[in-house]
Amino acid sequence: MHKDKAIIMVIIYLIICYLLEKYYKLAKKKKNMNEINCTCTDIIIRRNYKKKYYMYFYKLKYQKNEEIITDKLRLPIFQNFIKINNKYLMMINSKNPNEYLTPIEYKTYKYYLYISIFLFILSLFFFF
């Protein structure tokens, strides 16, 4: 194996490990939570120092209290995924309401696993 291929392979495997760790953390977090409905109330785009952030605000009723939860994303990948005044499922911990998975995290956490499996298979065919 050439030195360049070895370096690329190490980088790919580090990315795979990072994605699998992120998937595992979200899946473990999701096990102890309950599904609830929330409504997207507002989407704000903020810019500062050449960076662009998408702020999503969700309103939900939990244990007879109305709460507003925010989600901040840097990449515009899911920009059209969430619309204002639509209802979405999210996860919230019944023991600690400050611990939650936003609708984007709830719907996309499995993509980390799929991308890591794809990269692993691609590395097998590409490098061997």
N, C-alpha and C. Protein backbone atom coordinates (compact mmCIF):
# COMPACT_ATOMS: atom_id res chain seq x y z
N MET A 1 0.85 -1.17 0.00
CA MET A 1 0.00 0.00 0.00
C MET A 1 0.90 1.23 0.00
N HIS A 2 0.53 2.19 -0.79
CA HIS A 2 1.30 3.42 -0.87
C HIS A 2 1.04 4.30 0.34
N LYS A 3 1.95 5.20 0.60
CA LYS A 3 1.85 6.10 1.74
C LYS A 3 0.62 6.99 1.64
N ASP A 4 0.31 7.48 0.43
CA ASP A 4 -0.85 8.34 0.24
C ASP A 4 -2.15 7.60 0.52
N LYS A 5 -2.24 6.37 0.05
CA LYS A 5 -3.45 5.58 0.29
C LYS A 5 -3.62 5.29 1.78
N ALA A 6 -2.53 5.06 2.46
CA ALA A 6 -2.61 4.77 3.90
C ALA A 6 -3.12 6.00 4.66
N ILE A 7 -2.65 7.16 4.29
CA ILE A 7 -3.09 8.40 4.96
C ILE A 7 -4.57 8.65 4.69
N ILE A 8 -5.00 8.46 3.46
CA ILE A 8 -6.41 8.65 3.12
C ILE A 8 -7.28 7.63 3.85
N MET A 9 -6.80 6.41 3.95
CA MET A 9 -7.56 5.37 4.64
C MET A 9 -7.70 5.68 6.14
N VAL A 10 -6.64 6.16 6.75
CA VAL A 10 -6.70 6.54 8.16
C VAL A 10 -7.70 7.68 8.35
N ILE A 11 -7.69 8.65 7.47
CA ILE A 11 -8.63 9.77 7.57
C ILE A 11 -10.07 9.28 7.42
N ILE A 12 -10.31 8.39 6.47
CA ILE A 12 -11.66 7.85 6.27
C ILE A 12 -12.11 7.06 7.50
N TYR A 13 -11.22 6.27 8.09
CA TYR A 13 -11.60 5.50 9.27
C TYR A 13 -11.81 6.39 10.49
N LEU A 14 -11.10 7.50 10.58
CA LEU A 14 -11.36 8.45 11.66
C LEU A 14 -12.74 9.10 11.49
N ILE A 15 -13.09 9.41 10.25
CA ILE A 15 -14.43 9.96 9.98
C ILE A 15 -15.51 8.92 10.34
N ILE A 16 -15.27 7.67 9.98
CA ILE A 16 -16.21 6.60 10.30
C ILE A 16 -16.38 6.48 11.81
N CYS A 17 -15.29 6.51 12.55
CA CYS A 17 -15.36 6.41 14.01
C CYS A 17 -16.13 7.59 14.61
N TYR A 18 -15.90 8.78 14.09
CA TYR A 18 -16.61 9.96 14.57
C TYR A 18 -18.12 9.83 14.31
N LEU A 19 -18.48 9.41 13.10
CA LEU A 19 -19.90 9.27 12.76
C LEU A 19 -20.57 8.19 13.59
N LEU A 20 -19.88 7.07 13.81
CA LEU A 20 -20.46 6.00 14.62
C LEU A 20 -20.62 6.43 16.07
N GLU A 21 -19.67 7.19 16.58
CA GLU A 21 -19.78 7.69 17.95
C GLU A 21 -20.97 8.64 18.08
N LYS A 22 -21.14 9.51 17.11
CA LYS A 22 -22.26 10.45 17.13
C LYS A 22 -23.59 9.70 17.05
N TYR A 23 -23.67 8.69 16.18
CA TYR A 23 -24.88 7.87 16.08
C TYR A 23 -25.16 7.17 17.40
N TYR A 24 -24.14 6.58 18.00
CA TYR A 24 -24.32 5.83 19.24
C TYR A 24 -24.82 6.75 20.36
N LYS A 25 -24.26 7.95 20.46
CA LYS A 25 -24.69 8.88 21.50
C LYS A 25 -26.16 9.28 21.33
N LEU A 26 -26.56 9.57 20.09
CA LEU A 26 -27.95 9.97 19.85
C LEU A 26 -28.90 8.80 20.03
N ALA A 27 -28.51 7.59 19.63
CA ALA A 27 -29.37 6.42 19.80
C ALA A 27 -29.52 6.09 21.28
N LYS A 28 -28.46 6.22 22.04
CA LYS A 28 -28.52 5.96 23.48
C LYS A 28 -29.38 7.00 24.17
N LYS A 29 -29.25 8.24 23.75
CA LYS A 29 -30.05 9.33 24.31
C LYS A 29 -31.53 9.13 23.99
N LYS A 30 -31.81 8.63 22.79
CA LYS A 30 -33.19 8.45 22.34
C LYS A 30 -33.92 7.35 23.10
N LYS A 31 -33.19 6.36 23.60
CA LYS A 31 -33.82 5.23 24.30
C LYS A 31 -34.63 5.66 25.52
N ASN A 32 -34.17 6.67 26.22
CA ASN A 32 -34.80 7.09 27.48
C ASN A 32 -35.79 8.24 27.30
N MET A 33 -36.26 8.45 26.08
CA MET A 33 -37.11 9.61 25.82
C MET A 33 -38.48 9.20 25.28
N ASN A 34 -39.39 10.16 25.34
CA ASN A 34 -40.75 9.96 24.85
C ASN A 34 -40.98 10.87 23.65
N GLU A 35 -41.80 10.39 22.71
CA GLU A 35 -42.15 11.19 21.54
C GLU A 35 -43.25 12.18 21.89
N ILE A 36 -43.09 13.41 21.41
CA ILE A 36 -44.15 14.41 21.55
C ILE A 36 -44.23 15.22 20.25
N ASN A 37 -45.33 15.92 20.08
CA ASN A 37 -45.51 16.79 18.91
C ASN A 37 -45.07 18.20 19.25
N CYS A 38 -44.48 18.85 18.27
CA CYS A 38 -44.12 20.25 18.43
C CYS A 38 -44.44 20.97 17.13
N THR A 39 -44.52 22.29 17.20
CA THR A 39 -44.81 23.12 16.04
C THR A 39 -43.66 24.10 15.85
N CYS A 40 -43.22 24.22 14.62
CA CYS A 40 -42.18 25.20 14.31
C CYS A 40 -42.83 26.58 14.26
N THR A 41 -42.37 27.48 15.10
CA THR A 41 -42.97 28.82 15.17
C THR A 41 -42.20 29.86 14.37
N ASP A 42 -40.89 29.68 14.26
CA ASP A 42 -40.10 30.71 13.58
C ASP A 42 -38.77 30.13 13.10
N ILE A 43 -38.28 30.69 12.01
CA ILE A 43 -36.96 30.36 11.49
C ILE A 43 -36.22 31.67 11.26
N ILE A 44 -35.07 31.80 11.89
CA ILE A 44 -34.29 33.03 11.77
C ILE A 44 -32.93 32.68 11.18
N ILE A 45 -32.51 33.49 10.23
CA ILE A 45 -31.18 33.32 9.63
C ILE A 45 -30.30 34.44 10.18
N ARG A 46 -29.23 34.05 10.85
CA ARG A 46 -28.32 35.03 11.43
C ARG A 46 -26.96 34.94 10.75
N ARG A 47 -26.38 36.09 10.53
CA ARG A 47 -25.06 36.15 9.91
C ARG A 47 -24.12 36.94 10.82
N ASN A 48 -22.91 36.40 10.98
CA ASN A 48 -21.88 37.13 11.69
C ASN A 48 -20.51 36.58 11.30
N TYR A 49 -19.61 37.47 11.03
CA TYR A 49 -18.23 37.11 10.69
C TYR A 49 -18.15 36.03 9.61
N LYS A 50 -18.84 36.27 8.53
CA LYS A 50 -18.85 35.38 7.37
C LYS A 50 -19.46 34.00 7.66
N LYS A 51 -20.19 33.88 8.74
CA LYS A 51 -20.87 32.62 9.07
C LYS A 51 -22.37 32.86 9.02
N LYS A 52 -23.08 31.82 8.67
CA LYS A 52 -24.53 31.90 8.55
C LYS A 52 -25.13 30.79 9.43
N TYR A 53 -26.06 31.16 10.31
CA TYR A 53 -26.71 30.21 11.20
C TYR A 53 -28.20 30.21 10.94
N TYR A 54 -28.80 29.04 11.04
CA TYR A 54 -30.24 28.89 10.93
C TYR A 54 -30.77 28.54 12.31
N MET A 55 -31.61 29.40 12.85
CA MET A 55 -32.19 29.19 14.17
C MET A 55 -33.64 28.76 13.99
N TYR A 56 -33.98 27.60 14.54
CA TYR A 56 -35.34 27.07 14.48
C TYR A 56 -35.94 27.14 15.87
N PHE A 57 -37.17 27.65 15.96
CA PHE A 57 -37.87 27.75 17.23
C PHE A 57 -39.09 26.84 17.19
N TYR A 58 -39.21 26.00 18.21
CA TYR A 58 -40.30 25.04 18.30
C TYR A 58 -41.10 25.31 19.57
N LYS A 59 -42.41 25.19 19.44
CA LYS A 59 -43.31 25.36 20.58
C LYS A 59 -43.93 24.00 20.87
N LEU A 60 -43.92 23.62 22.14
CA LEU A 60 -44.49 22.32 22.51
C LEU A 60 -45.17 22.41 23.86
N LYS A 61 -46.13 21.52 24.05
CA LYS A 61 -46.80 21.41 25.34
C LYS A 61 -46.29 20.13 26.00
N TYR A 62 -45.75 20.31 27.20
CA TYR A 62 -45.24 19.15 27.93
C TYR A 62 -45.60 19.31 29.39
N GLN A 63 -46.34 18.36 29.92
CA GLN A 63 -46.81 18.35 31.31
C GLN A 63 -47.54 19.66 31.64
N LYS A 64 -48.47 20.02 30.75
CA LYS A 64 -49.33 21.19 30.90
C LYS A 64 -48.57 22.52 30.88
N ASN A 65 -47.35 22.50 30.44
CA ASN A 65 -46.57 23.73 30.30
C ASN A 65 -46.20 23.91 28.83
N GLU A 66 -46.26 25.15 28.38
CA GLU A 66 -45.81 25.44 27.02
C GLU A 66 -44.35 25.86 27.08
N GLU A 67 -43.55 25.23 26.25
CA GLU A 67 -42.13 25.53 26.23
C GLU A 67 -41.71 25.87 24.81
N ILE A 68 -40.67 26.68 24.71
CA ILE A 68 -40.10 27.02 23.41
C ILE A 68 -38.67 26.50 23.40
N ILE A 69 -38.37 25.70 22.38
CA ILE A 69 -37.05 25.08 22.25
C ILE A 69 -36.42 25.59 20.96
N THR A 70 -35.13 25.86 21.01
CA THR A 70 -34.43 26.34 19.83
C THR A 70 -33.44 25.31 19.34
N ASP A 71 -33.18 25.37 18.06
CA ASP A 71 -32.20 24.51 17.42
C ASP A 71 -31.38 25.38 16.49
N LYS A 72 -30.07 25.26 16.54
CA LYS A 72 -29.19 26.11 15.75
C LYS A 72 -28.35 25.22 14.84
N LEU A 73 -28.45 25.49 13.53
CA LEU A 73 -27.68 24.73 12.56
C LEU A 73 -26.81 25.67 11.75
N ARG A 74 -25.67 25.17 11.38
CA ARG A 74 -24.75 25.99 10.58
C ARG A 74 -24.92 25.71 9.09
N LEU A 75 -25.12 24.47 8.74
CA LEU A 75 -25.21 24.10 7.33
C LEU A 75 -26.65 24.22 6.83
N PRO A 76 -26.83 24.70 5.62
CA PRO A 76 -28.19 24.85 5.09
C PRO A 76 -28.74 23.57 4.45
N ILE A 77 -28.20 22.42 4.83
CA ILE A 77 -28.64 21.14 4.23
C ILE A 77 -30.13 20.91 4.48
N PHE A 78 -30.58 21.19 5.68
CA PHE A 78 -31.96 20.92 6.06
C PHE A 78 -32.81 22.18 6.04
N GLN A 79 -32.42 23.14 5.23
CA GLN A 79 -33.11 24.42 5.19
C GLN A 79 -34.58 24.25 4.79
N ASN A 80 -34.87 23.41 3.82
CA ASN A 80 -36.25 23.21 3.37
C ASN A 80 -36.92 22.03 4.06
N PHE A 81 -36.26 21.45 5.01
CA PHE A 81 -36.78 20.29 5.73
C PHE A 81 -37.83 20.70 6.76
N ILE A 82 -37.65 21.85 7.38
CA ILE A 82 -38.55 22.34 8.42
C ILE A 82 -39.27 23.58 7.89
N LYS A 83 -40.57 23.58 8.01
CA LYS A 83 -41.40 24.71 7.58
C LYS A 83 -42.14 25.29 8.79
N ILE A 84 -42.42 26.57 8.72
CA ILE A 84 -43.12 27.26 9.80
C ILE A 84 -44.57 26.79 9.85
N ASN A 85 -45.09 26.62 11.06
CA ASN A 85 -46.46 26.20 11.38
C ASN A 85 -46.76 24.75 11.02
N ASN A 86 -45.76 23.95 10.76
CA ASN A 86 -45.96 22.51 10.57
C ASN A 86 -45.66 21.78 11.87
N LYS A 87 -46.30 20.62 12.04
CA LYS A 87 -46.08 19.82 13.25
C LYS A 87 -45.03 18.76 12.97
N TYR A 88 -44.16 18.54 13.97
CA TYR A 88 -43.08 17.57 13.86
C TYR A 88 -42.99 16.76 15.14
N LEU A 89 -42.43 15.57 15.01
CA LEU A 89 -42.17 14.75 16.18
C LEU A 89 -40.79 15.06 16.73
N MET A 90 -40.69 15.07 18.05
CA MET A 90 -39.40 15.22 18.69
C MET A 90 -39.40 14.37 19.94
N MET A 91 -38.24 14.20 20.52
CA MET A 91 -38.10 13.37 21.71
C MET A 91 -37.74 14.25 22.89
N ILE A 92 -38.32 13.94 24.05
CA ILE A 92 -38.01 14.70 25.27
C ILE A 92 -37.92 13.71 26.43
N ASN A 93 -37.00 13.97 27.32
CA ASN A 93 -36.80 13.12 28.48
C ASN A 93 -37.86 13.45 29.51
N SER A 94 -38.57 12.43 29.99
CA SER A 94 -39.66 12.67 30.94
C SER A 94 -39.13 13.08 32.31
N LYS A 95 -37.93 12.66 32.66
CA LYS A 95 -37.37 13.02 33.96
C LYS A 95 -36.68 14.39 33.94
N ASN A 96 -36.11 14.74 32.80
CA ASN A 96 -35.41 16.01 32.67
C ASN A 96 -35.85 16.69 31.37
N PRO A 97 -36.83 17.60 31.42
CA PRO A 97 -37.33 18.23 30.20
C PRO A 97 -36.30 19.08 29.45
N ASN A 98 -35.19 19.40 30.09
CA ASN A 98 -34.15 20.17 29.40
C ASN A 98 -33.31 19.30 28.47
N GLU A 99 -33.51 18.02 28.51
CA GLU A 99 -32.80 17.09 27.63
C GLU A 99 -33.77 16.62 26.54
N TYR A 100 -33.44 16.93 25.31
CA TYR A 100 -34.35 16.64 24.20
C TYR A 100 -33.58 16.43 22.92
N LEU A 101 -34.27 15.84 21.93
CA LEU A 101 -33.78 15.73 20.56
C LEU A 101 -34.71 16.55 19.70
N THR A 102 -34.17 17.50 18.98
CA THR A 102 -34.98 18.34 18.11
C THR A 102 -35.47 17.53 16.91
N PRO A 103 -36.46 18.02 16.18
CA PRO A 103 -36.98 17.26 15.03
C PRO A 103 -35.92 16.92 13.98
N ILE A 104 -34.98 17.81 13.76
CA ILE A 104 -33.94 17.50 12.78
C ILE A 104 -33.04 16.38 13.28
N GLU A 105 -32.64 16.43 14.55
CA GLU A 105 -31.83 15.36 15.12
C GLU A 105 -32.61 14.04 15.15
N TYR A 106 -33.89 14.13 15.46
CA TYR A 106 -34.72 12.94 15.56
C TYR A 106 -34.86 12.23 14.21
N LYS A 107 -35.00 13.00 13.13
CA LYS A 107 -35.19 12.40 11.81
C LYS A 107 -33.90 12.02 11.12
N THR A 108 -32.78 12.61 11.51
CA THR A 108 -31.54 12.41 10.75
C THR A 108 -30.45 11.66 11.49
N TYR A 109 -30.67 11.20 12.70
CA TYR A 109 -29.58 10.56 13.43
C TYR A 109 -29.14 9.24 12.78
N LYS A 110 -30.03 8.58 12.06
CA LYS A 110 -29.66 7.33 11.39
C LYS A 110 -28.75 7.55 10.18
N TYR A 111 -28.74 8.77 9.65
CA TYR A 111 -27.85 9.07 8.52
C TYR A 111 -26.38 8.91 8.90
N TYR A 112 -26.04 9.15 10.16
CA TYR A 112 -24.66 8.96 10.60
C TYR A 112 -24.24 7.50 10.42
N LEU A 113 -25.14 6.60 10.77
CA LEU A 113 -24.85 5.17 10.60
C LEU A 113 -24.76 4.81 9.13
N TYR A 114 -25.69 5.28 8.32
CA TYR A 114 -25.68 4.95 6.90
C TYR A 114 -24.44 5.49 6.19
N ILE A 115 -24.03 6.69 6.52
CA ILE A 115 -22.84 7.28 5.89
C ILE A 115 -21.59 6.53 6.32
N SER A 116 -21.51 6.13 7.58
CA SER A 116 -20.33 5.39 8.03
C SER A 116 -20.25 4.01 7.37
N ILE A 117 -21.38 3.34 7.20
CA ILE A 117 -21.38 2.04 6.51
C ILE A 117 -20.99 2.22 5.05
N PHE A 118 -21.50 3.25 4.42
CA PHE A 118 -21.15 3.53 3.03
C PHE A 118 -19.65 3.81 2.89
N LEU A 119 -19.08 4.62 3.78
CA LEU A 119 -17.66 4.91 3.72
C LEU A 119 -16.81 3.66 3.95
N PHE A 120 -17.25 2.79 4.85
CA PHE A 120 -16.51 1.56 5.11
C PHE A 120 -16.50 0.66 3.88
N ILE A 121 -17.66 0.49 3.26
CA ILE A 121 -17.74 -0.35 2.06
C ILE A 121 -16.96 0.27 0.91
N LEU A 122 -17.06 1.58 0.79
CA LEU A 122 -16.30 2.27 -0.24
C LEU A 122 -14.80 2.11 -0.04
N SER A 123 -14.35 2.16 1.19
CA SER A 123 -12.92 2.00 1.47
C SER A 123 -12.45 0.58 1.16
N LEU A 124 -13.31 -0.40 1.37
CA LEU A 124 -12.93 -1.79 1.04
C LEU A 124 -12.74 -1.97 -0.47
N PHE A 125 -13.64 -1.41 -1.24
CA PHE A 125 -13.54 -1.57 -2.70
C PHE A 125 -12.48 -0.66 -3.31
N PHE A 126 -12.29 0.49 -2.74
CA PHE A 126 -11.39 1.47 -3.33
C PHE A 126 -9.92 1.19 -3.03
N PHE A 127 -9.64 0.73 -1.83
CA PHE A 127 -8.24 0.60 -1.42
C PHE A 127 -7.68 -0.82 -1.53
N PHE A 128 -8.52 -1.82 -1.68
CA PHE A 128 -7.99 -3.19 -1.75
C PHE A 128 -8.19 -3.80 -3.11
